[in-house]
Amino acid sequence: MITMLLRLRVWFNRTGSETVGWLLVVIGILMMIMPGPGMITLVAGVALLSRHYEWAQLILDPLHRKAAEGMRLGVATIPRILVSALGVAAVAAVGVVWWMSPQIPVFTIWGVTFGPALPAGGWLGGVGILFSASLGAAALIYSIVKYRPEAKAARKAKSDQGKSDQDKAELVESS
């Protein structure tokens, strides 16, 4: 039994993770034109492929730096956190509406006709959008837990520096 699990683990470390990585890349590309977390799925696929391909690692490194910077900035202030939470709630509301698939007016954009049903409407489109909202909520919570203490510490250090500068100025004035 243990040797079977060991073989499965060895297989997944190379072939399985590569297969799942390519599958996530393809699904991510498809989800970019359909409801769902296409970009996140695409990046997850590239992350799995980065274990095997240098080009994928070269793509992933700057994405990781930018994502961490964006998460840090996104939770730097309470208003930014509130706007992000409202964005997650709005995406969830769109997911519920998409799931219910109400009738919409018929209209044409660049020769493509839409209506009376929502494109990709129904439970599948709604689940994809709700999944996107849940990923957004998870990213927001993760950012708050990981980066919010940094923001508080940076503001406190800045205010402490300002106080020490004031103390120095008061000392100079009193002399």
N, C-alpha and C. Protein backbone atom coordinates (compact mmCIF):
# COMPACT_ATOMS: atom_id res chain seq x y z
N MET A 1 0.83 -1.20 0.00
CA MET A 1 0.00 0.00 0.00
C MET A 1 0.87 1.26 0.00
N ILE A 2 1.92 1.26 0.83
CA ILE A 2 2.79 2.43 0.92
C ILE A 2 3.56 2.63 -0.39
N THR A 3 4.00 1.53 -1.00
CA THR A 3 4.72 1.68 -2.26
C THR A 3 3.79 2.21 -3.35
N MET A 4 2.51 1.83 -3.28
CA MET A 4 1.54 2.34 -4.25
C MET A 4 1.37 3.86 -4.08
N LEU A 5 1.27 4.31 -2.83
CA LEU A 5 1.15 5.75 -2.56
C LEU A 5 2.41 6.49 -2.96
N LEU A 6 3.56 5.87 -2.73
CA LEU A 6 4.83 6.48 -3.12
C LEU A 6 4.92 6.61 -4.64
N ARG A 7 4.50 5.59 -5.36
CA ARG A 7 4.50 5.66 -6.83
C ARG A 7 3.56 6.75 -7.33
N LEU A 8 2.38 6.82 -6.70
CA LEU A 8 1.41 7.84 -7.09
C LEU A 8 1.98 9.24 -6.84
N ARG A 9 2.65 9.41 -5.73
CA ARG A 9 3.26 10.70 -5.40
C ARG A 9 4.36 11.07 -6.39
N VAL A 10 5.21 10.11 -6.72
CA VAL A 10 6.27 10.35 -7.70
C VAL A 10 5.68 10.69 -9.06
N TRP A 11 4.63 9.94 -9.45
CA TRP A 11 3.97 10.22 -10.73
C TRP A 11 3.39 11.62 -10.74
N PHE A 12 2.71 12.01 -9.65
CA PHE A 12 2.08 13.33 -9.62
C PHE A 12 3.13 14.43 -9.61
N ASN A 13 4.25 14.22 -8.93
CA ASN A 13 5.28 15.25 -8.88
C ASN A 13 5.77 15.64 -10.27
N ARG A 14 5.74 14.73 -11.20
CA ARG A 14 6.18 15.07 -12.54
C ARG A 14 5.01 15.11 -13.53
N THR A 15 4.47 14.00 -13.85
CA THR A 15 3.46 13.90 -14.90
C THR A 15 2.14 14.51 -14.48
N GLY A 16 1.68 14.18 -13.30
CA GLY A 16 0.38 14.67 -12.84
C GLY A 16 0.33 16.18 -12.69
N SER A 17 1.35 16.75 -12.04
CA SER A 17 1.34 18.20 -11.85
C SER A 17 1.47 18.94 -13.18
N GLU A 18 2.22 18.36 -14.09
CA GLU A 18 2.36 18.97 -15.42
C GLU A 18 1.03 18.90 -16.18
N THR A 19 0.37 17.76 -16.11
CA THR A 19 -0.93 17.60 -16.77
C THR A 19 -1.96 18.54 -16.18
N VAL A 20 -2.03 18.60 -14.86
CA VAL A 20 -2.99 19.49 -14.20
C VAL A 20 -2.65 20.95 -14.51
N GLY A 21 -1.36 21.27 -14.57
CA GLY A 21 -0.95 22.64 -14.91
C GLY A 21 -1.43 23.05 -16.29
N TRP A 22 -1.20 22.20 -17.29
CA TRP A 22 -1.65 22.51 -18.65
C TRP A 22 -3.17 22.57 -18.72
N LEU A 23 -3.85 21.68 -17.99
CA LEU A 23 -5.31 21.69 -17.97
C LEU A 23 -5.83 23.00 -17.37
N LEU A 24 -5.20 23.47 -16.28
CA LEU A 24 -5.61 24.74 -15.68
C LEU A 24 -5.35 25.92 -16.61
N VAL A 25 -4.27 25.87 -17.37
CA VAL A 25 -3.99 26.94 -18.33
C VAL A 25 -5.09 27.00 -19.38
N VAL A 26 -5.45 25.85 -19.93
CA VAL A 26 -6.50 25.82 -20.96
C VAL A 26 -7.84 26.27 -20.38
N ILE A 27 -8.20 25.75 -19.20
CA ILE A 27 -9.47 26.14 -18.57
C ILE A 27 -9.46 27.62 -18.23
N GLY A 28 -8.32 28.13 -17.77
CA GLY A 28 -8.21 29.56 -17.46
C GLY A 28 -8.43 30.43 -18.68
N ILE A 29 -7.86 30.02 -19.81
CA ILE A 29 -8.07 30.77 -21.05
C ILE A 29 -9.54 30.74 -21.44
N LEU A 30 -10.18 29.57 -21.33
CA LEU A 30 -11.61 29.48 -21.64
C LEU A 30 -12.45 30.34 -20.69
N MET A 31 -12.07 30.36 -19.41
CA MET A 31 -12.84 31.14 -18.44
C MET A 31 -12.65 32.65 -18.62
N MET A 32 -11.68 33.06 -19.38
CA MET A 32 -11.53 34.49 -19.63
C MET A 32 -12.67 35.01 -20.50
N ILE A 33 -13.24 34.13 -21.34
CA ILE A 33 -14.36 34.57 -22.17
C ILE A 33 -15.69 34.07 -21.62
N MET A 34 -15.65 33.22 -20.60
CA MET A 34 -16.86 32.72 -19.95
C MET A 34 -16.83 33.18 -18.49
N PRO A 35 -17.98 33.13 -17.80
CA PRO A 35 -17.96 33.53 -16.39
C PRO A 35 -17.07 32.57 -15.58
N GLY A 36 -16.28 33.15 -14.73
CA GLY A 36 -15.41 32.35 -13.86
C GLY A 36 -14.09 33.04 -13.63
N PRO A 37 -13.31 32.51 -12.69
CA PRO A 37 -12.02 33.12 -12.33
C PRO A 37 -10.92 32.72 -13.30
N GLY A 38 -10.99 33.22 -14.52
CA GLY A 38 -10.06 32.83 -15.56
C GLY A 38 -8.61 33.16 -15.26
N MET A 39 -8.36 34.39 -14.82
CA MET A 39 -6.97 34.81 -14.58
C MET A 39 -6.35 34.02 -13.43
N ILE A 40 -7.12 33.80 -12.38
CA ILE A 40 -6.59 33.05 -11.23
C ILE A 40 -6.29 31.61 -11.64
N THR A 41 -7.19 31.01 -12.41
CA THR A 41 -6.98 29.64 -12.87
C THR A 41 -5.77 29.55 -13.79
N LEU A 42 -5.62 30.52 -14.65
CA LEU A 42 -4.47 30.56 -15.56
C LEU A 42 -3.16 30.67 -14.77
N VAL A 43 -3.13 31.56 -13.78
CA VAL A 43 -1.93 31.73 -12.97
C VAL A 43 -1.65 30.47 -12.15
N ALA A 44 -2.70 29.81 -11.65
CA ALA A 44 -2.49 28.55 -10.91
C ALA A 44 -1.87 27.50 -11.82
N GLY A 45 -2.31 27.44 -13.07
CA GLY A 45 -1.70 26.50 -14.02
C GLY A 45 -0.24 26.82 -14.29
N VAL A 46 0.06 28.10 -14.47
CA VAL A 46 1.45 28.51 -14.70
C VAL A 46 2.29 28.20 -13.45
N ALA A 47 1.70 28.37 -12.26
CA ALA A 47 2.42 28.06 -11.03
C ALA A 47 2.79 26.58 -10.97
N LEU A 48 1.88 25.71 -11.36
CA LEU A 48 2.21 24.28 -11.39
C LEU A 48 3.27 23.98 -12.45
N LEU A 49 3.15 24.63 -13.60
CA LEU A 49 4.12 24.39 -14.67
C LEU A 49 5.50 24.95 -14.33
N SER A 50 5.55 25.95 -13.42
CA SER A 50 6.84 26.56 -13.08
C SER A 50 7.76 25.57 -12.36
N ARG A 51 7.20 24.49 -11.86
CA ARG A 51 8.02 23.45 -11.24
C ARG A 51 8.83 22.67 -12.28
N HIS A 52 8.38 22.75 -13.54
CA HIS A 52 8.99 21.95 -14.60
C HIS A 52 9.62 22.77 -15.71
N TYR A 53 9.16 24.01 -15.90
CA TYR A 53 9.62 24.82 -17.02
C TYR A 53 10.15 26.17 -16.52
N GLU A 54 11.32 26.53 -17.02
CA GLU A 54 11.93 27.80 -16.63
C GLU A 54 11.11 28.99 -17.13
N TRP A 55 10.52 28.90 -18.34
CA TRP A 55 9.73 30.01 -18.88
C TRP A 55 8.54 30.31 -17.97
N ALA A 56 7.96 29.28 -17.39
CA ALA A 56 6.82 29.50 -16.49
C ALA A 56 7.29 30.20 -15.21
N GLN A 57 8.47 29.83 -14.73
CA GLN A 57 9.01 30.49 -13.53
C GLN A 57 9.32 31.96 -13.82
N LEU A 58 9.81 32.25 -15.03
CA LEU A 58 10.10 33.63 -15.40
C LEU A 58 8.81 34.47 -15.48
N ILE A 59 7.70 33.84 -15.88
CA ILE A 59 6.41 34.55 -15.90
C ILE A 59 5.88 34.73 -14.49
N LEU A 60 6.07 33.73 -13.64
CA LEU A 60 5.47 33.72 -12.31
C LEU A 60 6.14 34.69 -11.34
N ASP A 61 7.45 34.86 -11.42
CA ASP A 61 8.16 35.71 -10.45
C ASP A 61 7.66 37.14 -10.43
N PRO A 62 7.57 37.85 -11.57
CA PRO A 62 7.05 39.22 -11.50
C PRO A 62 5.56 39.26 -11.10
N LEU A 63 4.79 38.24 -11.48
CA LEU A 63 3.38 38.19 -11.06
C LEU A 63 3.28 38.10 -9.55
N HIS A 64 4.13 37.30 -8.95
CA HIS A 64 4.12 37.14 -7.50
C HIS A 64 4.46 38.45 -6.80
N ARG A 65 5.49 39.14 -7.29
CA ARG A 65 5.87 40.42 -6.69
C ARG A 65 4.75 41.45 -6.80
N LYS A 66 4.16 41.56 -8.00
CA LYS A 66 3.08 42.53 -8.21
C LYS A 66 1.84 42.18 -7.38
N ALA A 67 1.53 40.90 -7.28
CA ALA A 67 0.36 40.48 -6.50
C ALA A 67 0.56 40.81 -5.02
N ALA A 68 1.75 40.55 -4.50
CA ALA A 68 2.02 40.87 -3.09
C ALA A 68 1.96 42.37 -2.86
N GLU A 69 2.49 43.15 -3.80
CA GLU A 69 2.44 44.61 -3.67
C GLU A 69 0.99 45.10 -3.72
N GLY A 70 0.20 44.55 -4.62
CA GLY A 70 -1.21 44.93 -4.72
C GLY A 70 -1.98 44.56 -3.48
N MET A 71 -1.71 43.40 -2.92
CA MET A 71 -2.40 42.98 -1.70
C MET A 71 -2.02 43.88 -0.54
N ARG A 72 -0.76 44.25 -0.46
CA ARG A 72 -0.29 45.12 0.62
C ARG A 72 -0.95 46.50 0.51
N LEU A 73 -1.00 47.05 -0.70
CA LEU A 73 -1.63 48.35 -0.90
C LEU A 73 -3.15 48.29 -0.71
N GLY A 74 -3.75 47.17 -1.07
CA GLY A 74 -5.20 47.03 -0.99
C GLY A 74 -5.74 47.03 0.41
N VAL A 75 -4.92 46.71 1.39
CA VAL A 75 -5.39 46.69 2.78
C VAL A 75 -4.66 47.73 3.64
N ALA A 76 -4.03 48.69 2.99
CA ALA A 76 -3.27 49.70 3.73
C ALA A 76 -4.18 50.62 4.55
N THR A 77 -5.39 50.87 4.08
CA THR A 77 -6.31 51.74 4.80
C THR A 77 -7.68 51.07 4.89
N ILE A 78 -8.46 51.51 5.87
CA ILE A 78 -9.81 50.97 6.05
C ILE A 78 -10.70 51.24 4.82
N PRO A 79 -10.69 52.45 4.25
CA PRO A 79 -11.52 52.66 3.06
C PRO A 79 -11.19 51.70 1.91
N ARG A 80 -9.94 51.38 1.71
CA ARG A 80 -9.57 50.43 0.65
C ARG A 80 -10.13 49.04 0.94
N ILE A 81 -10.09 48.64 2.20
CA ILE A 81 -10.65 47.34 2.58
C ILE A 81 -12.16 47.34 2.34
N LEU A 82 -12.83 48.43 2.70
CA LEU A 82 -14.28 48.52 2.50
C LEU A 82 -14.64 48.47 1.01
N VAL A 83 -13.89 49.18 0.18
CA VAL A 83 -14.16 49.16 -1.26
C VAL A 83 -13.94 47.74 -1.81
N SER A 84 -12.90 47.07 -1.35
CA SER A 84 -12.66 45.69 -1.80
C SER A 84 -13.79 44.77 -1.37
N ALA A 85 -14.26 44.93 -0.13
CA ALA A 85 -15.37 44.11 0.35
C ALA A 85 -16.64 44.39 -0.45
N LEU A 86 -16.88 45.66 -0.79
CA LEU A 86 -18.03 45.99 -1.64
C LEU A 86 -17.89 45.36 -3.03
N GLY A 87 -16.69 45.34 -3.55
CA GLY A 87 -16.45 44.70 -4.84
C GLY A 87 -16.75 43.21 -4.80
N VAL A 88 -16.33 42.54 -3.74
CA VAL A 88 -16.62 41.12 -3.58
C VAL A 88 -18.12 40.89 -3.48
N ALA A 89 -18.81 41.75 -2.71
CA ALA A 89 -20.26 41.63 -2.57
C ALA A 89 -20.96 41.86 -3.91
N ALA A 90 -20.47 42.81 -4.70
CA ALA A 90 -21.07 43.08 -6.02
C ALA A 90 -20.89 41.89 -6.95
N VAL A 91 -19.71 41.28 -6.94
CA VAL A 91 -19.49 40.11 -7.79
C VAL A 91 -20.40 38.96 -7.35
N ALA A 92 -20.56 38.78 -6.04
CA ALA A 92 -21.46 37.73 -5.54
C ALA A 92 -22.90 38.01 -5.97
N ALA A 93 -23.32 39.27 -5.93
CA ALA A 93 -24.68 39.62 -6.36
C ALA A 93 -24.87 39.33 -7.84
N VAL A 94 -23.86 39.64 -8.65
CA VAL A 94 -23.94 39.32 -10.09
C VAL A 94 -24.03 37.81 -10.28
N GLY A 95 -23.30 37.04 -9.47
CA GLY A 95 -23.36 35.58 -9.56
C GLY A 95 -24.75 35.05 -9.27
N VAL A 96 -25.41 35.63 -8.26
CA VAL A 96 -26.77 35.21 -7.93
C VAL A 96 -27.72 35.55 -9.08
N VAL A 97 -27.59 36.76 -9.63
CA VAL A 97 -28.44 37.15 -10.75
C VAL A 97 -28.19 36.24 -11.95
N TRP A 98 -26.92 35.93 -12.23
CA TRP A 98 -26.59 35.07 -13.36
C TRP A 98 -27.19 33.68 -13.16
N TRP A 99 -27.15 33.19 -11.92
CA TRP A 99 -27.71 31.87 -11.60
C TRP A 99 -29.22 31.87 -11.88
N MET A 100 -29.91 32.95 -11.47
CA MET A 100 -31.36 33.04 -11.67
C MET A 100 -31.70 33.23 -13.14
N SER A 101 -30.77 33.74 -13.92
CA SER A 101 -30.90 33.92 -15.36
C SER A 101 -32.20 34.61 -15.79
N PRO A 102 -32.36 35.88 -15.39
CA PRO A 102 -33.58 36.60 -15.78
C PRO A 102 -33.57 36.95 -17.27
N GLN A 103 -34.72 37.28 -17.79
CA GLN A 103 -34.83 37.71 -19.18
C GLN A 103 -34.24 39.12 -19.30
N ILE A 104 -33.52 39.36 -20.38
CA ILE A 104 -32.96 40.69 -20.63
C ILE A 104 -33.47 41.17 -21.98
N PRO A 105 -33.42 42.49 -22.21
CA PRO A 105 -33.84 42.98 -23.52
C PRO A 105 -32.87 42.50 -24.61
N VAL A 106 -33.37 42.33 -25.79
CA VAL A 106 -32.54 41.93 -26.92
C VAL A 106 -31.79 43.17 -27.42
N PHE A 107 -30.47 43.05 -27.60
CA PHE A 107 -29.68 44.16 -28.12
C PHE A 107 -28.51 43.60 -28.92
N THR A 108 -27.91 44.46 -29.73
CA THR A 108 -26.81 44.05 -30.60
C THR A 108 -25.61 44.94 -30.35
N ILE A 109 -24.44 44.32 -30.22
CA ILE A 109 -23.17 45.04 -30.08
C ILE A 109 -22.23 44.50 -31.15
N TRP A 110 -21.76 45.39 -32.02
CA TRP A 110 -20.83 45.04 -33.10
C TRP A 110 -21.32 43.83 -33.90
N GLY A 111 -22.59 43.80 -34.15
CA GLY A 111 -23.17 42.74 -34.97
C GLY A 111 -23.50 41.45 -34.23
N VAL A 112 -23.23 41.39 -32.92
CA VAL A 112 -23.53 40.20 -32.13
C VAL A 112 -24.79 40.50 -31.32
N THR A 113 -25.79 39.65 -31.45
CA THR A 113 -27.07 39.86 -30.77
C THR A 113 -27.08 39.11 -29.44
N PHE A 114 -27.53 39.81 -28.39
CA PHE A 114 -27.65 39.24 -27.05
C PHE A 114 -29.12 39.29 -26.63
N GLY A 115 -29.53 38.36 -25.78
CA GLY A 115 -30.89 38.34 -25.24
C GLY A 115 -31.74 37.33 -25.96
N PRO A 116 -32.84 36.98 -25.46
CA PRO A 116 -33.47 37.43 -24.22
C PRO A 116 -32.88 36.76 -22.97
N ALA A 117 -32.00 35.78 -23.13
CA ALA A 117 -31.37 35.15 -21.97
C ALA A 117 -29.95 35.69 -21.80
N LEU A 118 -29.45 35.68 -20.57
CA LEU A 118 -28.07 36.10 -20.32
C LEU A 118 -27.09 35.13 -20.99
N PRO A 119 -26.01 35.64 -21.54
CA PRO A 119 -25.00 34.74 -22.09
C PRO A 119 -24.41 33.88 -20.97
N ALA A 120 -24.34 32.59 -21.19
CA ALA A 120 -23.84 31.64 -20.20
C ALA A 120 -24.63 31.73 -18.90
N GLY A 121 -25.91 32.11 -18.98
CA GLY A 121 -26.75 32.21 -17.79
C GLY A 121 -27.12 30.84 -17.26
N GLY A 122 -27.62 30.80 -16.06
CA GLY A 122 -28.01 29.54 -15.43
C GLY A 122 -27.06 29.20 -14.30
N TRP A 123 -27.23 27.99 -13.81
CA TRP A 123 -26.46 27.61 -12.63
C TRP A 123 -24.96 27.53 -12.89
N LEU A 124 -24.54 27.10 -14.08
CA LEU A 124 -23.11 26.96 -14.35
C LEU A 124 -22.41 28.32 -14.36
N GLY A 125 -22.98 29.29 -15.07
CA GLY A 125 -22.39 30.62 -15.08
C GLY A 125 -22.43 31.25 -13.69
N GLY A 126 -23.55 31.06 -12.98
CA GLY A 126 -23.68 31.61 -11.62
C GLY A 126 -22.66 31.02 -10.67
N VAL A 127 -22.44 29.70 -10.75
CA VAL A 127 -21.45 29.06 -9.88
C VAL A 127 -20.05 29.59 -10.19
N GLY A 128 -19.74 29.78 -11.47
CA GLY A 128 -18.42 30.32 -11.82
C GLY A 128 -18.19 31.70 -11.25
N ILE A 129 -19.22 32.55 -11.33
CA ILE A 129 -19.09 33.91 -10.80
C ILE A 129 -19.05 33.89 -9.28
N LEU A 130 -19.88 33.06 -8.65
CA LEU A 130 -19.84 32.94 -7.19
C LEU A 130 -18.49 32.39 -6.71
N PHE A 131 -17.91 31.50 -7.49
CA PHE A 131 -16.58 31.00 -7.16
C PHE A 131 -15.56 32.13 -7.23
N SER A 132 -15.69 33.00 -8.23
CA SER A 132 -14.81 34.17 -8.32
C SER A 132 -14.96 35.05 -7.10
N ALA A 133 -16.20 35.26 -6.65
CA ALA A 133 -16.43 36.09 -5.47
C ALA A 133 -15.81 35.45 -4.23
N SER A 134 -15.93 34.13 -4.11
CA SER A 134 -15.34 33.47 -2.94
C SER A 134 -13.81 33.55 -2.97
N LEU A 135 -13.21 33.46 -4.15
CA LEU A 135 -11.76 33.64 -4.26
C LEU A 135 -11.36 35.06 -3.89
N GLY A 136 -12.17 36.03 -4.32
CA GLY A 136 -11.90 37.42 -3.96
C GLY A 136 -11.99 37.64 -2.46
N ALA A 137 -13.00 37.03 -1.82
CA ALA A 137 -13.14 37.15 -0.37
C ALA A 137 -11.96 36.49 0.34
N ALA A 138 -11.55 35.32 -0.14
CA ALA A 138 -10.40 34.63 0.46
C ALA A 138 -9.13 35.46 0.31
N ALA A 139 -8.93 36.07 -0.86
CA ALA A 139 -7.75 36.91 -1.07
C ALA A 139 -7.77 38.14 -0.17
N LEU A 140 -8.96 38.73 0.02
CA LEU A 140 -9.08 39.89 0.89
C LEU A 140 -8.76 39.52 2.34
N ILE A 141 -9.32 38.41 2.80
CA ILE A 141 -9.06 37.97 4.18
C ILE A 141 -7.58 37.65 4.36
N TYR A 142 -7.01 36.95 3.40
CA TYR A 142 -5.58 36.61 3.46
C TYR A 142 -4.74 37.89 3.52
N SER A 143 -5.09 38.87 2.70
CA SER A 143 -4.33 40.13 2.67
C SER A 143 -4.43 40.86 4.00
N ILE A 144 -5.62 40.87 4.58
CA ILE A 144 -5.80 41.55 5.87
C ILE A 144 -4.97 40.87 6.94
N VAL A 145 -5.02 39.54 6.98
CA VAL A 145 -4.28 38.80 8.01
C VAL A 145 -2.77 38.96 7.81
N LYS A 146 -2.32 38.88 6.55
CA LYS A 146 -0.88 38.90 6.30
C LYS A 146 -0.29 40.30 6.26
N TYR A 147 -0.97 41.26 5.63
CA TYR A 147 -0.35 42.56 5.38
C TYR A 147 -0.90 43.69 6.24
N ARG A 148 -2.04 43.53 6.84
CA ARG A 148 -2.60 44.63 7.64
C ARG A 148 -1.71 44.96 8.84
N PRO A 149 -1.16 43.98 9.58
CA PRO A 149 -0.25 44.34 10.68
C PRO A 149 0.95 45.15 10.20
N GLU A 150 1.45 44.86 8.98
CA GLU A 150 2.56 45.64 8.42
C GLU A 150 2.16 47.10 8.24
N ALA A 151 0.96 47.31 7.72
CA ALA A 151 0.50 48.67 7.47
C ALA A 151 0.35 49.42 8.78
N LYS A 152 -0.18 48.76 9.79
CA LYS A 152 -0.32 49.40 11.10
C LYS A 152 1.05 49.73 11.68
N ALA A 153 1.99 48.79 11.57
CA ALA A 153 3.33 49.01 12.11
C ALA A 153 4.03 50.15 11.37
N ALA A 154 3.86 50.22 10.05
CA ALA A 154 4.50 51.29 9.27
C ALA A 154 3.93 52.65 9.65
N ARG A 155 2.59 52.73 9.81
CA ARG A 155 1.99 54.00 10.22
C ARG A 155 2.42 54.39 11.62
N LYS A 156 2.53 53.40 12.52
CA LYS A 156 2.94 53.68 13.90
C LYS A 156 4.39 54.17 13.91
N ALA A 157 5.25 53.54 13.13
CA ALA A 157 6.65 53.97 13.07
C ALA A 157 6.76 55.38 12.52
N LYS A 158 5.94 55.69 11.53
CA LYS A 158 5.95 57.03 10.94
C LYS A 158 5.48 58.06 11.96
N SER A 159 4.41 57.73 12.69
CA SER A 159 3.91 58.68 13.68
C SER A 159 4.89 58.81 14.84
N ASP A 160 5.55 57.70 15.22
CA ASP A 160 6.56 57.78 16.29
C ASP A 160 7.73 58.65 15.85
N GLN A 161 8.10 58.56 14.57
CA GLN A 161 9.19 59.38 14.06
C GLN A 161 8.77 60.85 14.10
N GLY A 162 7.52 61.11 13.73
CA GLY A 162 7.01 62.48 13.79
C GLY A 162 7.02 63.02 15.21
N LYS A 163 6.66 62.17 16.17
CA LYS A 163 6.66 62.59 17.58
C LYS A 163 8.07 62.86 18.05
N SER A 164 9.03 62.00 17.66
CA SER A 164 10.40 62.22 18.09
C SER A 164 10.97 63.50 17.47
N ASP A 165 10.57 63.82 16.24
CA ASP A 165 11.00 65.08 15.62
C ASP A 165 10.41 66.26 16.38
N GLN A 166 9.14 66.13 16.83
CA GLN A 166 8.52 67.21 17.61
C GLN A 166 9.24 67.36 18.95
N ASP A 167 9.57 66.24 19.59
CA ASP A 167 10.28 66.30 20.87
C ASP A 167 11.62 67.00 20.71
N LYS A 168 12.34 66.70 19.61
CA LYS A 168 13.63 67.34 19.35
C LYS A 168 13.44 68.84 19.16
N ALA A 169 12.39 69.22 18.42
CA ALA A 169 12.14 70.64 18.19
C ALA A 169 11.81 71.33 19.50
N GLU A 170 11.03 70.70 20.36
CA GLU A 170 10.69 71.30 21.65
C GLU A 170 11.93 71.44 22.53
N LEU A 171 12.82 70.46 22.46
CA LEU A 171 14.05 70.51 23.24
C LEU A 171 14.92 71.68 22.78
N VAL A 172 15.01 71.87 21.47
CA VAL A 172 15.82 72.96 20.92
C VAL A 172 15.22 74.30 21.33
N GLU A 173 13.88 74.43 21.30
CA GLU A 173 13.22 75.68 21.66
C GLU A 173 13.40 75.99 23.14
N SER A 174 13.40 74.98 23.99
CA SER A 174 13.51 75.22 25.43
C SER A 174 14.94 75.57 25.84
N SER A 175 15.94 75.28 25.00
CA SER A 175 17.32 75.55 25.37
C SER A 175 17.70 76.96 25.19
